[in-house]
PDB file of all heavy atoms in Angstrom:
ATOM      1  N   ALA A   1      39.754  17.187   4.972  1.00  0.00           N
ATOM      2  CA  ALA A   1      39.781  16.793   3.601  1.00  0.00           C
ATOM      3  C   ALA A   1      38.578  15.979   3.190  1.00  0.00           C
ATOM      4  O   ALA A   1      38.292  15.878   1.967  1.00  0.00           O
ATOM      5  CB  ALA A   1      41.090  15.972   3.305  1.00  0.00           C
ATOM      6  N   ASN A   2      37.911  15.367   4.147  1.00  0.00           N
ATOM      7  CA  ASN A   2      36.708  14.545   3.877  1.00  0.00           C
ATOM      8  C   ASN A   2      35.429  15.343   4.099  1.00  0.00           C
ATOM      9  O   ASN A   2      34.364  14.715   4.081  1.00  0.00           O
ATOM     10  CB  ASN A   2      36.724  13.249   4.708  1.00  0.00           C
ATOM     11  CG  ASN A   2      37.805  12.350   4.358  1.00  0.00           C
ATOM     12  OD1 ASN A   2      38.136  12.172   3.171  1.00  0.00           O
ATOM     13  ND2 ASN A   2      38.428  11.731   5.355  1.00  0.00           N
ATOM     14  N   GLY A   3      35.541  16.601   4.313  1.00  0.00           N
ATOM     15  CA  GLY A   3      34.389  17.406   4.563  1.00  0.00           C
ATOM     16  C   GLY A   3      34.334  18.031   5.937  1.00  0.00           C
ATOM     17  O   GLY A   3      34.995  17.512   6.873  1.00  0.00           O
ATOM     18  N   LEU A   4      33.642  19.106   6.087  1.00  0.00           N
ATOM     19  CA  LEU A   4      33.569  19.762   7.369  1.00  0.00           C
ATOM     20  C   LEU A   4      32.763  18.989   8.379  1.00  0.00           C
ATOM     21  O   LEU A   4      31.964  18.109   7.957  1.00  0.00           O
ATOM     22  CB  LEU A   4      32.966  21.157   7.287  1.00  0.00           C
ATOM     23  CG  LEU A   4      33.714  22.202   6.349  1.00  0.00           C
ATOM     24  CD1 LEU A   4      33.104  23.581   6.517  1.00  0.00           C
ATOM     25  CD2 LEU A   4      35.208  22.196   6.662  1.00  0.00           C
ATOM     26  N   ALA A   5      32.986  19.172   9.650  1.00  0.00           N
ATOM     27  CA  ALA A   5      32.341  18.453  10.738  1.00  0.00           C
ATOM     28  C   ALA A   5      32.568  16.968  10.694  1.00  0.00           C
ATOM     29  O   ALA A   5      31.776  16.154  11.222  1.00  0.00           O
ATOM     30  CB  ALA A   5      30.852  18.780  10.763  1.00  0.00           C
ATOM     31  N   ASN A   6      33.649  16.548  10.046  1.00  0.00           N
ATOM     32  CA  ASN A   6      33.814  15.169   9.695  1.00  0.00           C
ATOM     33  C   ASN A   6      35.199  14.620  10.134  1.00  0.00           C
ATOM     34  O   ASN A   6      35.744  13.749   9.461  1.00  0.00           O
ATOM     35  CB  ASN A   6      33.627  14.947   8.198  1.00  0.00           C
ATOM     36  CG  ASN A   6      33.313  13.497   7.794  1.00  0.00           C
ATOM     37  OD1 ASN A   6      32.770  12.758   8.640  1.00  0.00           O
ATOM     38  ND2 ASN A   6      33.599  13.126   6.622  1.00  0.00           N
ATOM     39  N   SER A   7      35.716  15.077  11.234  1.00  0.00           N
ATOM     40  CA  SER A   7      37.015  14.610  11.676  1.00  0.00           C
ATOM     41  C   SER A   7      37.025  13.164  12.052  1.00  0.00           C
ATOM     42  O   SER A   7      38.112  12.505  12.036  1.00  0.00           O
ATOM     43  CB  SER A   7      37.509  15.455  12.863  1.00  0.00           C
ATOM     44  OG  SER A   7      36.592  15.362  13.939  1.00  0.00           O
ATOM     45  N   THR A   8      35.886  12.601  12.349  1.00  0.00           N
ATOM     46  CA  THR A   8      35.790  11.156  12.723  1.00  0.00           C
ATOM     47  C   THR A   8      35.030  10.329  11.704  1.00  0.00           C
ATOM     48  O   THR A   8      34.586   9.226  12.018  1.00  0.00           O
ATOM     49  CB  THR A   8      35.139  11.008  14.137  1.00  0.00           C
ATOM     50  OG1 THR A   8      33.880  11.709  14.133  1.00  0.00           O
ATOM     51  CG2 THR A   8      36.067  11.587  15.220  1.00  0.00           C
ATOM     52  N   ASP A   9      34.900  10.842  10.507  1.00  0.00           N
ATOM     53  CA  ASP A   9      34.319  10.066   9.371  1.00  0.00           C
ATOM     54  C   ASP A   9      32.868   9.646   9.682  1.00  0.00           C
ATOM     55  O   ASP A   9      32.489   8.499   9.405  1.00  0.00           O
ATOM     56  CB  ASP A   9      35.195   8.876   9.018  1.00  0.00           C
ATOM     57  CG  ASP A   9      34.826   8.198   7.694  1.00  0.00           C
ATOM     58  OD1 ASP A   9      34.258   8.946   6.823  1.00  0.00           O
ATOM     59  OD2 ASP A   9      35.046   7.008   7.560  1.00  0.00           O
ATOM     60  N   ILE A  10      32.127  10.566  10.220  1.00  0.00           N
ATOM     61  CA  ILE A  10      30.714  10.285  10.546  1.00  0.00           C
ATOM     62  C   ILE A  10      29.767  10.830   9.450  1.00  0.00           C
ATOM     63  O   ILE A  10      28.746  10.157   9.148  1.00  0.00           O
ATOM     64  CB  ILE A  10      30.314  10.893  11.921  1.00  0.00           C
ATOM     65  CG1 ILE A  10      31.083  10.263  13.072  1.00  0.00           C
ATOM     66  CG2 ILE A  10      28.813  10.838  12.182  1.00  0.00           C
ATOM     67  CD1 ILE A  10      30.713   8.809  13.287  1.00  0.00           C
ATOM     68  N   VAL A  11      30.129  11.927   8.839  1.00  0.00           N
ATOM     69  CA  VAL A  11      29.184  12.612   7.940  1.00  0.00           C
ATOM     70  C   VAL A  11      28.859  11.688   6.741  1.00  0.00           C
ATOM     71  O   VAL A  11      29.754  11.178   6.065  1.00  0.00           O
ATOM     72  CB  VAL A  11      29.802  13.927   7.428  1.00  0.00           C
ATOM     73  CG1 VAL A  11      28.957  14.568   6.343  1.00  0.00           C
ATOM     74  CG2 VAL A  11      29.912  14.935   8.618  1.00  0.00           C
ATOM     75  N   GLY A  12      27.566  11.609   6.499  1.00  0.00           N
ATOM     76  CA  GLY A  12      27.080  10.748   5.380  1.00  0.00           C
ATOM     77  C   GLY A  12      26.694   9.351   5.809  1.00  0.00           C
ATOM     78  O   GLY A  12      25.977   8.684   5.129  1.00  0.00           O
ATOM     79  N   ARG A  13      27.256   8.909   6.969  1.00  0.00           N
ATOM     80  CA  ARG A  13      26.992   7.558   7.404  1.00  0.00           C
ATOM     81  C   ARG A  13      25.692   7.422   8.223  1.00  0.00           C
ATOM     82  O   ARG A  13      25.089   8.422   8.579  1.00  0.00           O
ATOM     83  CB  ARG A  13      28.170   7.038   8.211  1.00  0.00           C
ATOM     84  CG  ARG A  13      29.469   6.873   7.403  1.00  0.00           C
ATOM     85  CD  ARG A  13      30.567   6.258   8.219  1.00  0.00           C
ATOM     86  NE  ARG A  13      31.817   6.140   7.468  1.00  0.00           N
ATOM     87  CZ  ARG A  13      32.114   5.106   6.664  1.00  0.00           C
ATOM     88  NH1 ARG A  13      31.233   4.174   6.517  1.00  0.00           N
ATOM     89  NH2 ARG A  13      33.270   5.076   6.057  1.00  0.00           N
ATOM     90  N   HIS A  14      25.252   6.188   8.479  1.00  0.00           N
ATOM     91  CA  HIS A  14      24.089   5.885   9.321  1.00  0.00           C
ATOM     92  C   HIS A  14      22.826   6.446   8.672  1.00  0.00           C
ATOM     93  O   HIS A  14      21.904   6.841   9.351  1.00  0.00           O
ATOM     94  CB  HIS A  14      24.249   6.418  10.696  1.00  0.00           C
ATOM     95  CG  HIS A  14      25.503   6.017  11.387  1.00  0.00           C
ATOM     96  ND1 HIS A  14      26.607   6.824  11.526  1.00  0.00           N
ATOM     97  CD2 HIS A  14      25.876   4.834  11.971  1.00  0.00           C
ATOM     98  CE1 HIS A  14      27.600   6.192  12.128  1.00  0.00           C
ATOM     99  NE2 HIS A  14      27.175   4.946  12.401  1.00  0.00           N
ATOM    100  N   TYR A  15      22.777   6.424   7.330  1.00  0.00           N
ATOM    101  CA  TYR A  15      21.603   6.876   6.587  1.00  0.00           C
ATOM    102  C   TYR A  15      20.466   5.909   6.854  1.00  0.00           C
ATOM    103  O   TYR A  15      20.634   4.709   6.803  1.00  0.00           O
ATOM    104  CB  TYR A  15      21.927   6.942   5.101  1.00  0.00           C
ATOM    105  CG  TYR A  15      20.709   7.226   4.194  1.00  0.00           C
ATOM    106  CD1 TYR A  15      20.416   8.552   3.911  1.00  0.00           C
ATOM    107  CD2 TYR A  15      19.966   6.190   3.658  1.00  0.00           C
ATOM    108  CE1 TYR A  15      19.305   8.801   3.048  1.00  0.00           C
ATOM    109  CE2 TYR A  15      18.916   6.453   2.820  1.00  0.00           C
ATOM    110  CZ  TYR A  15      18.566   7.770   2.509  1.00  0.00           C
ATOM    111  OH  TYR A  15      17.514   8.039   1.694  1.00  0.00           O
ATOM    112  N   MET A  16      19.229   6.470   7.120  1.00  0.00           N
ATOM    113  CA  MET A  16      18.052   5.641   7.415  1.00  0.00           C
ATOM    114  C   MET A  16      16.866   6.288   6.676  1.00  0.00           C
ATOM    115  O   MET A  16      16.840   7.465   6.367  1.00  0.00           O
ATOM    116  CB  MET A  16      17.766   5.615   8.887  1.00  0.00           C
ATOM    117  CG  MET A  16      18.846   5.042   9.754  1.00  0.00           C
ATOM    118  SD  MET A  16      18.632   5.342  11.531  1.00  0.00           S
ATOM    119  CE  MET A  16      19.131   7.035  11.651  1.00  0.00           C
ATOM    120  N   THR A  17      15.882   5.429   6.357  1.00  0.00           N
ATOM    121  CA  THR A  17      14.686   5.951   5.714  1.00  0.00           C
ATOM    122  C   THR A  17      13.460   5.095   5.960  1.00  0.00           C
ATOM    123  O   THR A  17      12.468   5.177   5.270  1.00  0.00           O
ATOM    124  CB  THR A  17      14.925   6.091   4.205  1.00  0.00           C
ATOM    125  OG1 THR A  17      13.825   6.664   3.548  1.00  0.00           O
ATOM    126  CG2 THR A  17      15.119   4.651   3.552  1.00  0.00           C
ATOM    127  N   HIS A  18      13.479   4.304   7.074  1.00  0.00           N
ATOM    128  CA  HIS A  18      12.359   3.410   7.438  1.00  0.00           C
ATOM    129  C   HIS A  18      12.179   2.277   6.492  1.00  0.00           C
ATOM    130  O   HIS A  18      12.497   2.318   5.335  1.00  0.00           O
ATOM    131  CB  HIS A  18      11.036   4.225   7.543  1.00  0.00           C
ATOM    132  CG  HIS A  18      10.952   5.160   8.681  1.00  0.00           C
ATOM    133  ND1 HIS A  18      10.411   6.440   8.577  1.00  0.00           N
ATOM    134  CD2 HIS A  18      11.372   5.078   9.973  1.00  0.00           C
ATOM    135  CE1 HIS A  18      10.456   7.088   9.724  1.00  0.00           C
ATOM    136  NE2 HIS A  18      11.019   6.254  10.590  1.00  0.00           N
ATOM    137  N   ASN A  19      11.567   1.210   7.036  1.00  0.00           N
ATOM    138  CA  ASN A  19      11.054   0.169   6.212  1.00  0.00           C
ATOM    139  C   ASN A  19       9.547   0.403   6.065  1.00  0.00           C
ATOM    140  O   ASN A  19       8.783   0.451   7.064  1.00  0.00           O
ATOM    141  CB  ASN A  19      11.286  -1.221   6.865  1.00  0.00           C
ATOM    142  CG  ASN A  19      12.717  -1.559   6.957  1.00  0.00           C
ATOM    143  OD1 ASN A  19      13.453  -1.387   5.996  1.00  0.00           O
ATOM    144  ND2 ASN A  19      13.202  -2.083   8.114  1.00  0.00           N
ATOM    145  N   LEU A  20       9.106   0.603   4.812  1.00  0.00           N
ATOM    146  CA  LEU A  20       7.772   1.059   4.509  1.00  0.00           C
ATOM    147  C   LEU A  20       7.033   0.161   3.547  1.00  0.00           C
ATOM    148  O   LEU A  20       7.643  -0.270   2.532  1.00  0.00           O
ATOM    149  CB  LEU A  20       7.795   2.485   3.969  1.00  0.00           C
ATOM    150  CG  LEU A  20       8.450   3.591   4.809  1.00  0.00           C
ATOM    151  CD1 LEU A  20       8.792   4.754   3.938  1.00  0.00           C
ATOM    152  CD2 LEU A  20       7.515   4.016   5.922  1.00  0.00           C
ATOM    153  N   THR A  21       5.797  -0.137   3.807  1.00  0.00           N
ATOM    154  CA  THR A  21       4.966  -0.912   2.915  1.00  0.00           C
ATOM    155  C   THR A  21       3.589  -0.262   2.827  1.00  0.00           C
ATOM    156  O   THR A  21       2.960   0.098   3.819  1.00  0.00           O
ATOM    157  CB  THR A  21       4.788  -2.368   3.442  1.00  0.00           C
ATOM    158  OG1 THR A  21       6.067  -3.050   3.389  1.00  0.00           O
ATOM    159  CG2 THR A  21       3.836  -3.156   2.526  1.00  0.00           C
ATOM    160  N   THR A  22       3.146  -0.082   1.605  1.00  0.00           N
ATOM    161  CA  THR A  22       1.825   0.381   1.346  1.00  0.00           C
ATOM    162  C   THR A  22       0.897  -0.794   1.051  1.00  0.00           C
ATOM    163  O   THR A  22       1.300  -1.735   0.392  1.00  0.00           O
ATOM    164  CB  THR A  22       1.751   1.390   0.145  1.00  0.00           C
ATOM    165  OG1 THR A  22       2.243   0.749  -1.035  1.00  0.00           O
ATOM    166  CG2 THR A  22       2.646   2.608   0.434  1.00  0.00           C
ATOM    167  N   MET A  23      -0.341  -0.740   1.537  1.00  0.00           N
ATOM    168  CA  MET A  23      -1.272  -1.797   1.335  1.00  0.00           C
ATOM    169  C   MET A  23      -2.608  -1.266   0.813  1.00  0.00           C
ATOM    170  O   MET A  23      -3.062  -0.252   1.253  1.00  0.00           O
ATOM    171  CB  MET A  23      -1.575  -2.600   2.585  1.00  0.00           C
ATOM    172  CG  MET A  23      -0.326  -3.323   3.131  1.00  0.00           C
ATOM    173  SD  MET A  23      -0.811  -4.364   4.639  1.00  0.00           S
ATOM    174  CE  MET A  23       0.825  -4.930   5.094  1.00  0.00           C
ATOM    175  N   MET A  24      -3.219  -2.003  -0.080  1.00  0.00           N
ATOM    176  CA  MET A  24      -4.576  -1.715  -0.564  1.00  0.00           C
ATOM    177  C   MET A  24      -5.408  -2.936  -0.155  1.00  0.00           C
ATOM    178  O   MET A  24      -5.273  -4.023  -0.647  1.00  0.00           O
ATOM    179  CB  MET A  24      -4.595  -1.603  -2.094  1.00  0.00           C
ATOM    180  CG  MET A  24      -3.858  -0.429  -2.697  1.00  0.00           C
ATOM    181  SD  MET A  24      -3.944  -0.394  -4.449  1.00  0.00           S
ATOM    182  CE  MET A  24      -5.751  -0.205  -4.699  1.00  0.00           C
ATOM    183  N   ALA A  25      -6.329  -2.681   0.810  1.00  0.00           N
ATOM    184  CA  ALA A  25      -7.254  -3.698   1.248  1.00  0.00           C
ATOM    185  C   ALA A  25      -8.524  -3.540   0.420  1.00  0.00           C
ATOM    186  O   ALA A  25      -9.227  -2.520   0.540  1.00  0.00           O
ATOM    187  CB  ALA A  25      -7.537  -3.579   2.724  1.00  0.00           C
ATOM    188  N   VAL A  26      -8.851  -4.531  -0.386  1.00  0.00           N
ATOM    189  CA  VAL A  26      -9.929  -4.381  -1.345  1.00  0.00           C
ATOM    190  C   VAL A  26     -11.104  -5.267  -1.009  1.00  0.00           C
ATOM    191  O   VAL A  26     -10.939  -6.456  -0.679  1.00  0.00           O
ATOM    192  CB  VAL A  26      -9.438  -4.702  -2.823  1.00  0.00           C
ATOM    193  CG1 VAL A  26     -10.506  -4.488  -3.811  1.00  0.00           C
ATOM    194  CG2 VAL A  26      -8.172  -3.896  -3.107  1.00  0.00           C
ATOM    195  N   SER A  27     -12.322  -4.681  -1.137  1.00  0.00           N
ATOM    196  CA  SER A  27     -13.540  -5.475  -0.959  1.00  0.00           C
ATOM    197  C   SER A  27     -14.533  -5.101  -2.097  1.00  0.00           C
ATOM    198  O   SER A  27     -14.185  -4.309  -2.943  1.00  0.00           O
ATOM    199  CB  SER A  27     -14.201  -5.140   0.413  1.00  0.00           C
ATOM    200  OG  SER A  27     -14.724  -3.869   0.444  1.00  0.00           O
ATOM    201  N   MET A  28     -15.677  -5.710  -2.093  1.00  0.00           N
ATOM    202  CA  MET A  28     -16.641  -5.441  -3.128  1.00  0.00           C
ATOM    203  C   MET A  28     -17.322  -4.074  -2.897  1.00  0.00           C
ATOM    204  O   MET A  28     -17.928  -3.489  -3.824  1.00  0.00           O
ATOM    205  CB  MET A  28     -17.686  -6.525  -3.219  1.00  0.00           C
ATOM    206  CG  MET A  28     -17.123  -7.848  -3.709  1.00  0.00           C
ATOM    207  SD  MET A  28     -16.269  -7.739  -5.311  1.00  0.00           S
ATOM    208  CE  MET A  28     -17.683  -7.302  -6.342  1.00  0.00           C
ATOM    209  N   ARG A  29     -17.216  -3.557  -1.699  1.00  0.00           N
ATOM    210  CA  ARG A  29     -17.896  -2.308  -1.337  1.00  0.00           C
ATOM    211  C   ARG A  29     -17.052  -1.116  -1.713  1.00  0.00           C
ATOM    212  O   ARG A  29     -15.808  -1.129  -1.483  1.00  0.00           O
ATOM    213  CB  ARG A  29     -18.178  -2.286   0.127  1.00  0.00           C
ATOM    214  CG  ARG A  29     -18.945  -1.075   0.583  1.00  0.00           C
ATOM    215  CD  ARG A  29     -19.334  -1.172   2.056  1.00  0.00           C
ATOM    216  NE  ARG A  29     -20.099  -0.007   2.499  1.00  0.00           N
ATOM    217  CZ  ARG A  29     -20.653   0.095   3.719  1.00  0.00           C
ATOM    218  NH1 ARG A  29     -20.517  -0.865   4.550  1.00  0.00           N
ATOM    219  NH2 ARG A  29     -21.356   1.153   4.032  1.00  0.00           N
ATOM    220  N   GLU A  30     -17.639  -0.086  -2.334  1.00  0.00           N
ATOM    221  CA  GLU A  30     -16.874   1.112  -2.720  1.00  0.00           C
ATOM    222  C   GLU A  30     -16.545   1.913  -1.462  1.00  0.00           C
ATOM    223  O   GLU A  30     -17.320   1.975  -0.500  1.00  0.00           O
ATOM    224  CB  GLU A  30     -17.666   1.939  -3.708  1.00  0.00           C
ATOM    225  CG  GLU A  30     -17.774   1.249  -5.037  1.00  0.00           C
ATOM    226  CD  GLU A  30     -18.379   2.185  -6.178  1.00  0.00           C
ATOM    227  OE1 GLU A  30     -18.590   3.383  -5.831  1.00  0.00           O
ATOM    228  OE2 GLU A  30     -18.569   1.687  -7.277  1.00  0.00           O
TER     229      GLU A  30
END
């Protein structure tokens, strides 16, 4: 009733997507 392959309520859980940071290191030089 909660979805296929999901008899133990695992499907959809433990979602991850990394901790991500973008950086711009700026100097006077192009």
